[in-house]
């Protein structure tokens, strides 16, 4: 027997995951990749019981967190590439010590 509440919650979860995929991506290539992953997630059968819905909610959260971590790592890498070495290090002399 299908549970209308679980079906609604599943549809909402899938919609939110798709929104996250679009919002988190930094460029069209990433957006396409993230949207594909969201679509594959959403193509699963509707959970039969509430516990399964909760497990899938956790899986969706982990997927979105992974997307965010990829973006944060890319930002850190870009920052490091742009700032190091920013200039030559100051000269060391015993007068400064």
PDB file of N, CA and C in Angstrom:
ATOM      1  N   UNK A   1       0.834  -1.181   0.000  1.00  0.00           N
ATOM      2  CA  UNK A   1       0.000   0.000   0.000  1.00  0.00           C
ATOM      3  C   UNK A   1       0.883   1.250   0.000  1.00  0.00           C
ATOM      4  N   UNK A   2       0.566   2.157  -0.891  1.00  0.00           N
ATOM      5  CA  UNK A   2       1.337   3.390  -0.980  1.00  0.00           C
ATOM      6  C   UNK A   2       0.860   4.379   0.078  1.00  0.00           C
ATOM      7  N   UNK A   3       1.832   5.040   0.673  1.00  0.00           N
ATOM      8  CA  UNK A   3       1.530   6.030   1.704  1.00  0.00           C
ATOM      9  C   UNK A   3       1.640   7.419   1.074  1.00  0.00           C
ATOM     10  N   UNK A   4       0.545   8.173   0.992  1.00  0.00           N
ATOM     11  CA  UNK A   4       0.578   9.500   0.371  1.00  0.00           C
ATOM     12  C   UNK A   4       1.570  10.448   1.045  1.00  0.00           C
ATOM     13  N   UNK A   5       1.699  10.348   2.359  1.00  0.00           N
ATOM     14  CA  UNK A   5       2.646  11.206   3.074  1.00  0.00           C
ATOM     15  C   UNK A   5       4.075  10.916   2.618  1.00  0.00           C
ATOM     16  N   UNK A   6       4.451   9.654   2.552  1.00  0.00           N
ATOM     17  CA  UNK A   6       5.806   9.282   2.128  1.00  0.00           C
ATOM     18  C   UNK A   6       6.036   9.704   0.683  1.00  0.00           C
ATOM     19  N   UNK A   7       5.034   9.529  -0.165  1.00  0.00           N
ATOM     20  CA  UNK A   7       5.172   9.938  -1.565  1.00  0.00           C
ATOM     21  C   UNK A   7       5.399  11.445  -1.685  1.00  0.00           C
ATOM     22  N   UNK A   8       4.649  12.240  -0.921  1.00  0.00           N
ATOM     23  CA  UNK A   8       4.831  13.703  -0.944  1.00  0.00           C
ATOM     24  C   UNK A   8       6.214  14.088  -0.440  1.00  0.00           C
ATOM     25  N   UNK A   9       6.616  13.487   0.679  1.00  0.00           N
ATOM     26  CA  UNK A   9       7.927  13.808   1.247  1.00  0.00           C
ATOM     27  C   UNK A   9       9.053  13.406   0.300  1.00  0.00           C
ATOM     28  N   UNK A  10       8.909  12.282  -0.377  1.00  0.00           N
ATOM     29  CA  UNK A  10       9.916  11.831  -1.336  1.00  0.00           C
ATOM     30  C   UNK A  10      10.013  12.826  -2.494  1.00  0.00           C
ATOM     31  N   UNK A  11       8.867  13.252  -3.013  1.00  0.00           N
ATOM     32  CA  UNK A  11       8.864  14.219  -4.113  1.00  0.00           C
ATOM     33  C   UNK A  11       9.515  15.533  -3.681  1.00  0.00           C
ATOM     34  N   UNK A  12       9.217  15.974  -2.472  1.00  0.00           N
ATOM     35  CA  UNK A  12       9.816  17.204  -1.947  1.00  0.00           C
ATOM     36  C   UNK A  12      11.322  17.052  -1.792  1.00  0.00           C
ATOM     37  N   UNK A  13      11.754  15.920  -1.269  1.00  0.00           N
ATOM     38  CA  UNK A  13      13.188  15.666  -1.113  1.00  0.00           C
ATOM     39  C   UNK A  13      13.892  15.707  -2.465  1.00  0.00           C
ATOM     40  N   UNK A  14      13.317  15.056  -3.454  1.00  0.00           N
ATOM     41  CA  UNK A  14      13.924  15.034  -4.789  1.00  0.00           C
ATOM     42  C   UNK A  14      13.979  16.437  -5.395  1.00  0.00           C
ATOM     43  N   UNK A  15      12.925  17.220  -5.198  1.00  0.00           N
ATOM     44  CA  UNK A  15      12.914  18.606  -5.689  1.00  0.00           C
ATOM     45  C   UNK A  15      14.010  19.431  -5.011  1.00  0.00           C
ATOM     46  N   UNK A  16      14.142  19.284  -3.711  1.00  0.00           N
ATOM     47  CA  UNK A  16      15.168  20.041  -2.975  1.00  0.00           C
ATOM     48  C   UNK A  16      16.569  19.636  -3.406  1.00  0.00           C
ATOM     49  N   UNK A  17      16.784  18.356  -3.648  1.00  0.00           N
ATOM     50  CA  UNK A  17      18.099  17.903  -4.087  1.00  0.00           C
ATOM     51  C   UNK A  17      18.439  18.489  -5.455  1.00  0.00           C
ATOM     52  N   UNK A  18      17.461  18.555  -6.334  1.00  0.00           N
ATOM     53  CA  UNK A  18      17.674  19.151  -7.657  1.00  0.00           C
ATOM     54  C   UNK A  18      17.995  20.638  -7.531  1.00  0.00           C
ATOM     55  N   UNK A  19      17.301  21.333  -6.644  1.00  0.00           N
ATOM     56  CA  UNK A  19      17.590  22.749  -6.410  1.00  0.00           C
ATOM     57  C   UNK A  19      19.014  22.931  -5.884  1.00  0.00           C
ATOM     58  N   UNK A  20      19.426  22.077  -4.974  1.00  0.00           N
ATOM     59  CA  UNK A  20      20.794  22.142  -4.435  1.00  0.00           C
ATOM     60  C   UNK A  20      21.816  21.908  -5.535  1.00  0.00           C
ATOM     61  N   UNK A  21      21.549  20.944  -6.393  1.00  0.00           N
ATOM     62  CA  UNK A  21      22.477  20.633  -7.480  1.00  0.00           C
ATOM     63  C   UNK A  21      22.702  21.862  -8.356  1.00  0.00           C
ATOM     64  N   UNK A  22      21.646  22.586  -8.642  1.00  0.00           N
ATOM     65  CA  UNK A  22      21.763  23.795  -9.466  1.00  0.00           C
ATOM     66  C   UNK A  22      22.457  24.922  -8.721  1.00  0.00           C
ATOM     67  N   UNK A  23      22.129  25.077  -7.447  1.00  0.00           N
ATOM     68  CA  UNK A  23      22.646  26.209  -6.675  1.00  0.00           C
ATOM     69  C   UNK A  23      24.111  26.049  -6.291  1.00  0.00           C
ATOM     70  N   UNK A  24      24.539  24.847  -6.005  1.00  0.00           N
ATOM     71  CA  UNK A  24      25.902  24.628  -5.519  1.00  0.00           C
ATOM     72  C   UNK A  24      26.924  24.677  -6.644  1.00  0.00           C
ATOM     73  N   UNK A  25      26.534  24.244  -7.824  1.00  0.00           N
ATOM     74  CA  UNK A  25      27.476  24.158  -8.945  1.00  0.00           C
ATOM     75  C   UNK A  25      28.043  25.529  -9.303  1.00  0.00           C
ATOM     76  N   UNK A  26      29.327  25.535  -9.616  1.00  0.00           N
ATOM     77  CA  UNK A  26      30.014  26.778  -9.967  1.00  0.00           C
ATOM     78  C   UNK A  26      30.004  27.060 -11.466  1.00  0.00           C
ATOM     79  N   UNK A  27      29.783  26.040 -12.272  1.00  0.00           N
ATOM     80  CA  UNK A  27      29.792  26.236 -13.719  1.00  0.00           C
ATOM     81  C   UNK A  27      28.824  25.239 -14.363  1.00  0.00           C
ATOM     82  N   UNK A  28      28.642  25.378 -15.664  1.00  0.00           N
ATOM     83  CA  UNK A  28      27.670  24.542 -16.379  1.00  0.00           C
ATOM     84  C   UNK A  28      28.054  23.066 -16.355  1.00  0.00           C
ATOM     85  N   UNK A  29      29.347  22.766 -16.423  1.00  0.00           N
ATOM     86  CA  UNK A  29      29.786  21.372 -16.404  1.00  0.00           C
ATOM     87  C   UNK A  29      29.435  20.720 -15.074  1.00  0.00           C
ATOM     88  N   UNK A  30      29.764  21.395 -13.979  1.00  0.00           N
ATOM     89  CA  UNK A  30      29.422  20.865 -12.659  1.00  0.00           C
ATOM     90  C   UNK A  30      27.914  20.764 -12.494  1.00  0.00           C
ATOM     91  N   UNK A  31      27.209  21.776 -12.946  1.00  0.00           N
ATOM     92  CA  UNK A  31      25.760  21.761 -12.808  1.00  0.00           C
ATOM     93  C   UNK A  31      25.166  20.559 -13.536  1.00  0.00           C
ATOM     94  N   UNK A  32      25.662  20.298 -14.728  1.00  0.00           N
ATOM     95  CA  UNK A  32      25.185  19.148 -15.487  1.00  0.00           C
ATOM     96  C   UNK A  32      25.466  17.845 -14.747  1.00  0.00           C
ATOM     97  N   UNK A  33      26.669  17.729 -14.186  1.00  0.00           N
ATOM     98  CA  UNK A  33      27.055  16.529 -13.443  1.00  0.00           C
ATOM     99  C   UNK A  33      26.203  16.367 -12.187  1.00  0.00           C
ATOM    100  N   UNK A  34      26.051  17.444 -11.429  1.00  0.00           N
ATOM    101  CA  UNK A  34      25.266  17.386 -10.194  1.00  0.00           C
ATOM    102  C   UNK A  34      23.795  17.090 -10.490  1.00  0.00           C
ATOM    103  N   UNK A  35      23.257  17.700 -11.546  1.00  0.00           N
ATOM    104  CA  UNK A  35      21.861  17.441 -11.900  1.00  0.00           C
ATOM    105  C   UNK A  35      21.657  15.989 -12.327  1.00  0.00           C
ATOM    106  N   UNK A  36      22.644  15.424 -13.010  1.00  0.00           N
ATOM    107  CA  UNK A  36      22.562  14.012 -13.380  1.00  0.00           C
ATOM    108  C   UNK A  36      22.534  13.136 -12.132  1.00  0.00           C
ATOM    109  N   UNK A  37      23.397  13.449 -11.170  1.00  0.00           N
ATOM    110  CA  UNK A  37      23.408  12.686  -9.924  1.00  0.00           C
ATOM    111  C   UNK A  37      22.077  12.832  -9.177  1.00  0.00           C
ATOM    112  N   UNK A  38      21.535  14.036  -9.169  1.00  0.00           N
ATOM    113  CA  UNK A  38      20.244  14.262  -8.509  1.00  0.00           C
ATOM    114  C   UNK A  38      19.135  13.487  -9.219  1.00  0.00           C
ATOM    115  N   UNK A  39      19.183  13.468 -10.542  1.00  0.00           N
ATOM    116  CA  UNK A  39      18.175  12.735 -11.307  1.00  0.00           C
ATOM    117  C   UNK A  39      18.276  11.234 -11.035  1.00  0.00           C
ATOM    118  N   UNK A  40      19.514  10.725 -10.987  1.00  0.00           N
ATOM    119  CA  UNK A  40      19.701   9.303 -10.693  1.00  0.00           C
ATOM    120  C   UNK A  40      19.181   8.970  -9.296  1.00  0.00           C
ATOM    121  N   UNK A  41      19.426   9.846  -8.354  1.00  0.00           N
ATOM    122  CA  UNK A  41      18.909   9.650  -7.000  1.00  0.00           C
ATOM    123  C   UNK A  41      17.383   9.628  -7.019  1.00  0.00           C
ATOM    124  N   UNK A  42      16.797  10.567  -7.726  1.00  0.00           N
ATOM    125  CA  UNK A  42      15.338  10.702  -7.769  1.00  0.00           C
ATOM    126  C   UNK A  42      14.659   9.566  -8.523  1.00  0.00           C
ATOM    127  N   UNK A  43      15.400   8.894  -9.400  1.00  0.00           N
ATOM    128  CA  UNK A  43      14.832   7.795 -10.181  1.00  0.00           C
ATOM    129  C   UNK A  43      14.621   6.521  -9.366  1.00  0.00           C
ATOM    130  N   UNK A  44      15.090   6.513  -8.128  1.00  0.00           N
ATOM    131  CA  UNK A  44      14.841   5.355  -7.269  1.00  0.00           C
ATOM    132  C   UNK A  44      13.337   5.225  -7.019  1.00  0.00           C
ATOM    133  N   UNK A  45      12.925   4.021  -6.687  1.00  0.00           N
ATOM    134  CA  UNK A  45      11.510   3.838  -6.356  1.00  0.00           C
ATOM    135  C   UNK A  45      11.184   4.602  -5.073  1.00  0.00           C
ATOM    136  N   UNK A  46       9.951   4.998  -4.968  1.00  0.00           N
ATOM    137  CA  UNK A  46       9.496   5.706  -3.768  1.00  0.00           C
ATOM    138  C   UNK A  46       9.665   4.776  -2.562  1.00  0.00           C
ATOM    139  N   UNK A  47      10.236   5.286  -1.479  1.00  0.00           N
ATOM    140  CA  UNK A  47      10.390   4.438  -0.291  1.00  0.00           C
ATOM    141  C   UNK A  47       9.039   3.868   0.160  1.00  0.00           C
ATOM    142  N   UNK A  48       9.081   2.640   0.631  1.00  0.00           N
ATOM    143  CA  UNK A  48       7.845   1.979   1.056  1.00  0.00           C
ATOM    144  C   UNK A  48       7.480   2.314   2.498  1.00  0.00           C
ATOM    145  N   UNK A  49       8.505   2.556   3.308  1.00  0.00           N
ATOM    146  CA  UNK A  49       8.264   2.829   4.730  1.00  0.00           C
ATOM    147  C   UNK A  49       9.034   4.079   5.142  1.00  0.00           C
ATOM    148  N   UNK A  50       8.599   4.656   6.246  1.00  0.00           N
ATOM    149  CA  UNK A  50       9.180   5.913   6.712  1.00  0.00           C
ATOM    150  C   UNK A  50      10.668   5.791   7.025  1.00  0.00           C
ATOM    151  N   UNK A  51      11.077   4.677   7.617  1.00  0.00           N
ATOM    152  CA  UNK A  51      12.495   4.484   7.945  1.00  0.00           C
ATOM    153  C   UNK A  51      13.360   4.553   6.677  1.00  0.00           C
ATOM    154  N   UNK A  52      12.866   3.982   5.605  1.00  0.00           N
ATOM    155  CA  UNK A  52      13.589   4.026   4.332  1.00  0.00           C
ATOM    156  C   UNK A  52      13.665   5.466   3.809  1.00  0.00           C
ATOM    157  N   UNK A  53      12.600   6.222   3.981  1.00  0.00           N
ATOM    158  CA  UNK A  53      12.609   7.637   3.592  1.00  0.00           C
ATOM    159  C   UNK A  53      13.668   8.398   4.382  1.00  0.00           C
ATOM    160  N   UNK A  54      13.766   8.123   5.666  1.00  0.00           N
ATOM    161  CA  UNK A  54      14.784   8.781   6.491  1.00  0.00           C
ATOM    162  C   UNK A  54      16.192   8.422   6.024  1.00  0.00           C
ATOM    163  N   UNK A  55      16.411   7.164   5.679  1.00  0.00           N
ATOM    164  CA  UNK A  55      17.727   6.751   5.174  1.00  0.00           C
ATOM    165  C   UNK A  55      18.055   7.453   3.862  1.00  0.00           C
ATOM    166  N   UNK A  56      17.068   7.596   3.008  1.00  0.00           N
ATOM    167  CA  UNK A  56      17.302   8.276   1.732  1.00  0.00           C
ATOM    168  C   UNK A  56      17.510   9.775   1.935  1.00  0.00           C
ATOM    169  N   UNK A  57      16.841  10.335   2.923  1.00  0.00           N
ATOM    170  CA  UNK A  57      17.057  11.746   3.254  1.00  0.00           C
ATOM    171  C   UNK A  57      18.497  11.958   3.693  1.00  0.00           C
ATOM    172  N   UNK A  58      19.007  11.046   4.501  1.00  0.00           N
ATOM    173  CA  UNK A  58      20.409  11.123   4.926  1.00  0.00           C
ATOM    174  C   UNK A  58      21.339  10.982   3.726  1.00  0.00           C
ATOM    175  N   UNK A  59      21.017  10.094   2.806  1.00  0.00           N
ATOM    176  CA  UNK A  59      21.843   9.908   1.610  1.00  0.00           C
ATOM    177  C   UNK A  59      21.828  11.164   0.735  1.00  0.00           C
ATOM    178  N   UNK A  60      20.676  11.806   0.619  1.00  0.00           N
ATOM    179  CA  UNK A  60      20.585  13.048  -0.161  1.00  0.00           C
ATOM    180  C   UNK A  60      21.418  14.146   0.487  1.00  0.00           C
ATOM    181  N   UNK A  61      21.372  14.217   1.802  1.00  0.00           N
ATOM    182  CA  UNK A  61      22.174  15.215   2.518  1.00  0.00           C
ATOM    183  C   UNK A  61      23.662  14.965   2.296  1.00  0.00           C
ATOM    184  N   UNK A  62      24.088  13.715   2.342  1.00  0.00           N
ATOM    185  CA  UNK A  62      25.495  13.389   2.113  1.00  0.00           C
ATOM    186  C   UNK A  62      25.919  13.762   0.695  1.00  0.00           C
ATOM    187  N   UNK A  63      25.046  13.553  -0.268  1.00  0.00           N
ATOM    188  CA  UNK A  63      25.349  13.919  -1.645  1.00  0.00           C
ATOM    189  C   UNK A  63      25.534  15.431  -1.770  1.00  0.00           C
ATOM    190  N   UNK A  64      24.642  16.199  -1.185  1.00  0.00           N
ATOM    191  CA  UNK A  64      24.751  17.658  -1.237  1.00  0.00           C
ATOM    192  C   UNK A  64      25.993  18.145  -0.492  1.00  0.00           C
ATOM    193  N   UNK A  65      26.319  17.515   0.621  1.00  0.00           N
ATOM    194  CA  UNK A  65      27.530  17.882   1.365  1.00  0.00           C
ATOM    195  C   UNK A  65      28.763  17.593   0.523  1.00  0.00           C
ATOM    196  N   UNK A  66      28.768  16.480  -0.190  1.00  0.00           N
ATOM    197  CA  UNK A  66      29.906  16.157  -1.061  1.00  0.00           C
ATOM    198  C   UNK A  66      30.062  17.225  -2.144  1.00  0.00           C
ATOM    199  N   UNK A  67      28.944  17.669  -2.720  1.00  0.00           N
ATOM    200  CA  UNK A  67      29.014  18.735  -3.717  1.00  0.00           C
ATOM    201  C   UNK A  67      29.595  20.000  -3.105  1.00  0.00           C
ATOM    202  N   UNK A  68      29.151  20.351  -1.904  1.00  0.00           N
ATOM    203  CA  UNK A  68      29.674  21.550  -1.240  1.00  0.00           C
ATOM    204  C   UNK A  68      31.161  21.414  -0.953  1.00  0.00           C
ATOM    205  N   UNK A  69      31.581  20.267  -0.493  1.00  0.00           N
ATOM    206  CA  UNK A  69      32.998  20.054  -0.194  1.00  0.00           C
ATOM    207  C   UNK A  69      33.847  20.177  -1.442  1.00  0.00           C
ATOM    208  N   UNK A  70      33.346  19.698  -2.570  1.00  0.00           N
ATOM    209  CA  UNK A  70      34.077  19.844  -3.832  1.00  0.00           C
ATOM    210  C   UNK A  70      34.255  21.321  -4.159  1.00  0.00           C
ATOM    211  N   UNK A  71      33.207  22.104  -3.937  1.00  0.00           N
ATOM    212  CA  UNK A  71      33.284  23.537  -4.213  1.00  0.00           C
ATOM    213  C   UNK A  71      34.245  24.229  -3.255  1.00  0.00           C
ATOM    214  N   UNK A  72      34.206  23.872  -1.992  1.00  0.00           N
ATOM    215  CA  UNK A  72      35.102  24.492  -1.018  1.00  0.00           C
ATOM    216  C   UNK A  72      36.553  24.137  -1.314  1.00  0.00           C
ATOM    217  N   UNK A  73      36.817  22.894  -1.684  1.00  0.00           N
ATOM    218  CA  UNK A  73      38.179  22.490  -2.027  1.00  0.00           C
ATOM    219  C   UNK A  73      38.661  23.229  -3.269  1.00  0.00           C
ATOM    220  N   UNK A  74      37.781  23.407  -4.239  1.00  0.00           N
ATOM    221  CA  UNK A  74      38.152  24.137  -5.448  1.00  0.00           C
ATOM    222  C   UNK A  74      38.471  25.594  -5.121  1.00  0.00           C
ATOM    223  N   UNK A  75      37.692  26.203  -4.214  1.00  0.00           N
ATOM    224  CA  UNK A  75      37.961  27.590  -3.824  1.00  0.00           C
ATOM    225  C   UNK A  75      39.300  27.698  -3.098  1.00  0.00           C
ATOM    226  N   UNK A  76      39.588  26.746  -2.232  1.00  0.00           N
ATOM    227  CA  UNK A  76      40.864  26.762  -1.509  1.00  0.00           C
ATOM    228  C   UNK A  76      42.015  26.598  -2.483  1.00  0.00           C
ATOM    229  N   UNK A  77      41.892  25.653  -3.412  1.00  0.00           N
ATOM    230  CA  UNK A  77      42.945  25.448  -4.403  1.00  0.00           C
ATOM    231  C   UNK A  77      43.171  26.703  -5.235  1.00  0.00           C
ATOM    232  N   UNK A  78      42.084  27.343  -5.647  1.00  0.00           N
ATOM    233  CA  UNK A  78      42.205  28.562  -6.441  1.00  0.00           C
ATOM    234  C   UNK A  78      42.881  29.668  -5.641  1.00  0.00           C
ATOM    235  N   UNK A  79      42.502  29.812  -4.391  1.00  0.00           N
ATOM    236  CA  UNK A  79      43.103  30.835  -3.531  1.00  0.00           C
ATOM    237  C   UNK A  79      44.589  30.581  -3.355  1.00  0.00           C
ATOM    238  N   UNK A  80      44.948  29.340  -3.125  1.00  0.00           N
ATOM    239  CA  UNK A  80      46.368  29.015  -2.964  1.00  0.00           C
ATOM    240  C   UNK A  80      47.142  29.271  -4.248  1.00  0.00           C
ATOM    241  N   UNK A  81      46.561  28.896  -5.379  1.00  0.00           N
ATOM    242  CA  UNK A  81      47.233  29.123  -6.659  1.00  0.00           C
ATOM    243  C   UNK A  81      47.459  30.608  -6.912  1.00  0.00           C
ATOM    244  N   UNK A  82      46.488  31.430  -6.525  1.00  0.00           N
ATOM    245  CA  UNK A  82      46.588  32.860  -6.784  1.00  0.00           C
ATOM    246  C   UNK A  82      47.467  33.596  -5.778  1.00  0.00           C
ATOM    247  N   UNK A  83      47.642  33.047  -4.594  1.00  0.00           N
ATOM    248  CA  UNK A  83      48.342  33.802  -3.559  1.00  0.00           C
ATOM    249  C   UNK A  83      49.734  33.289  -3.235  1.00  0.00           C
ATOM    250  N   UNK A  84      50.129  32.158  -3.752  1.00  0.00           N
ATOM    251  CA  UNK A  84      51.429  31.618  -3.374  1.00  0.00           C
ATOM    252  C   UNK A  84      52.280  31.410  -4.596  1.00  0.00           C
ATOM    253  N   UNK A  85      53.477  31.891  -4.662  1.00  0.00           N
ATOM    254  CA  UNK A  85      54.009  32.901  -3.754  1.00  0.00           C
ATOM    255  C   UNK A  85      53.535  34.281  -4.178  1.00  0.00           C
ATOM    256  N   UNK A  86      53.046  35.035  -3.247  1.00  0.00           N
ATOM    257  CA  UNK A  86      52.555  36.379  -3.536  1.00  0.00           C
ATOM    258  C   UNK A  86      53.708  37.310  -3.867  1.00  0.00           C
ATOM    259  N   UNK A  87      54.818  37.098  -3.235  1.00  0.00           N
ATOM    260  CA  UNK A  87      56.012  37.893  -3.506  1.00  0.00           C
ATOM    261  C   UNK A  87      57.187  37.135  -2.924  1.00  0.00           C
ATOM    262  N   UNK A  88      58.348  37.646  -3.170  1.00  0.00           N
ATOM    263  CA  UNK A  88      59.529  37.017  -2.579  1.00  0.00           C
ATOM    264  C   UNK A  88      59.476  37.206  -1.072  1.00  0.00           C
ATOM    265  N   UNK A  89      59.936  36.220  -0.337  1.00  0.00           N
ATOM    266  CA  UNK A  89      59.942  36.381   1.114  1.00  0.00           C
ATOM    267  C   UNK A  89      60.906  37.495   1.512  1.00  0.00           C
ATOM    268  N   UNK A  90      60.659  38.133   2.632  1.00  0.00           N
ATOM    269  CA  UNK A  90      61.568  39.197   3.065  1.00  0.00           C
ATOM    270  C   UNK A  90      62.956  38.625   3.343  1.00  0.00           C
ATOM    271  N   UNK A  91      63.930  39.460   3.098  1.00  0.00           N
ATOM    272  CA  UNK A  91      65.313  39.030   3.327  1.00  0.00           C
ATOM    273  C   UNK A  91      65.537  38.837   4.819  1.00  0.00           C
ATOM    274  N   UNK A  92      66.265  37.803   5.157  1.00  0.00           N
ATOM    275  CA  UNK A  92      66.584  37.546   6.551  1.00  0.00           C
ATOM    276  C   UNK A  92      67.977  38.083   6.816  1.00  0.00           C
ATOM    277  N   UNK A  93      68.077  38.835   7.858  1.00  0.00           N
ATOM    278  CA  UNK A  93      69.408  39.282   8.274  1.00  0.00           C
ATOM    279  C   UNK A  93      69.470  39.195   9.787  1.00  0.00           C
ATOM    280  N   UNK A  94      70.652  39.089  10.290  1.00  0.00           N
ATOM    281  CA  UNK A  94      70.818  38.989  11.734  1.00  0.00           C
ATOM    282  C   UNK A  94      70.411  40.286  12.433  1.00  0.00           C
ATOM    283  N   UNK A  95      70.380  41.383  11.711  1.00  0.00           N
ATOM    284  CA  UNK A  95      69.988  42.657  12.308  1.00  0.00           C
ATOM    285  C   UNK A  95      68.513  42.631  12.712  1.00  0.00           C
ATOM    286  N   UNK A  96      67.702  41.840  11.996  1.00  0.00           N
ATOM    287  CA  UNK A  96      66.280  41.752  12.314  1.00  0.00           C
ATOM    288  C   UNK A  96      65.998  40.759  13.429  1.00  0.00           C
ATOM    289  N   UNK A  97      66.932  39.902  13.729  1.00  0.00           N
ATOM    290  CA  UNK A  97      66.687  38.847  14.713  1.00  0.00           C
ATOM    291  C   UNK A  97      66.776  39.322  16.124  1.00  0.00           C
TER     292      UNK A  97
END
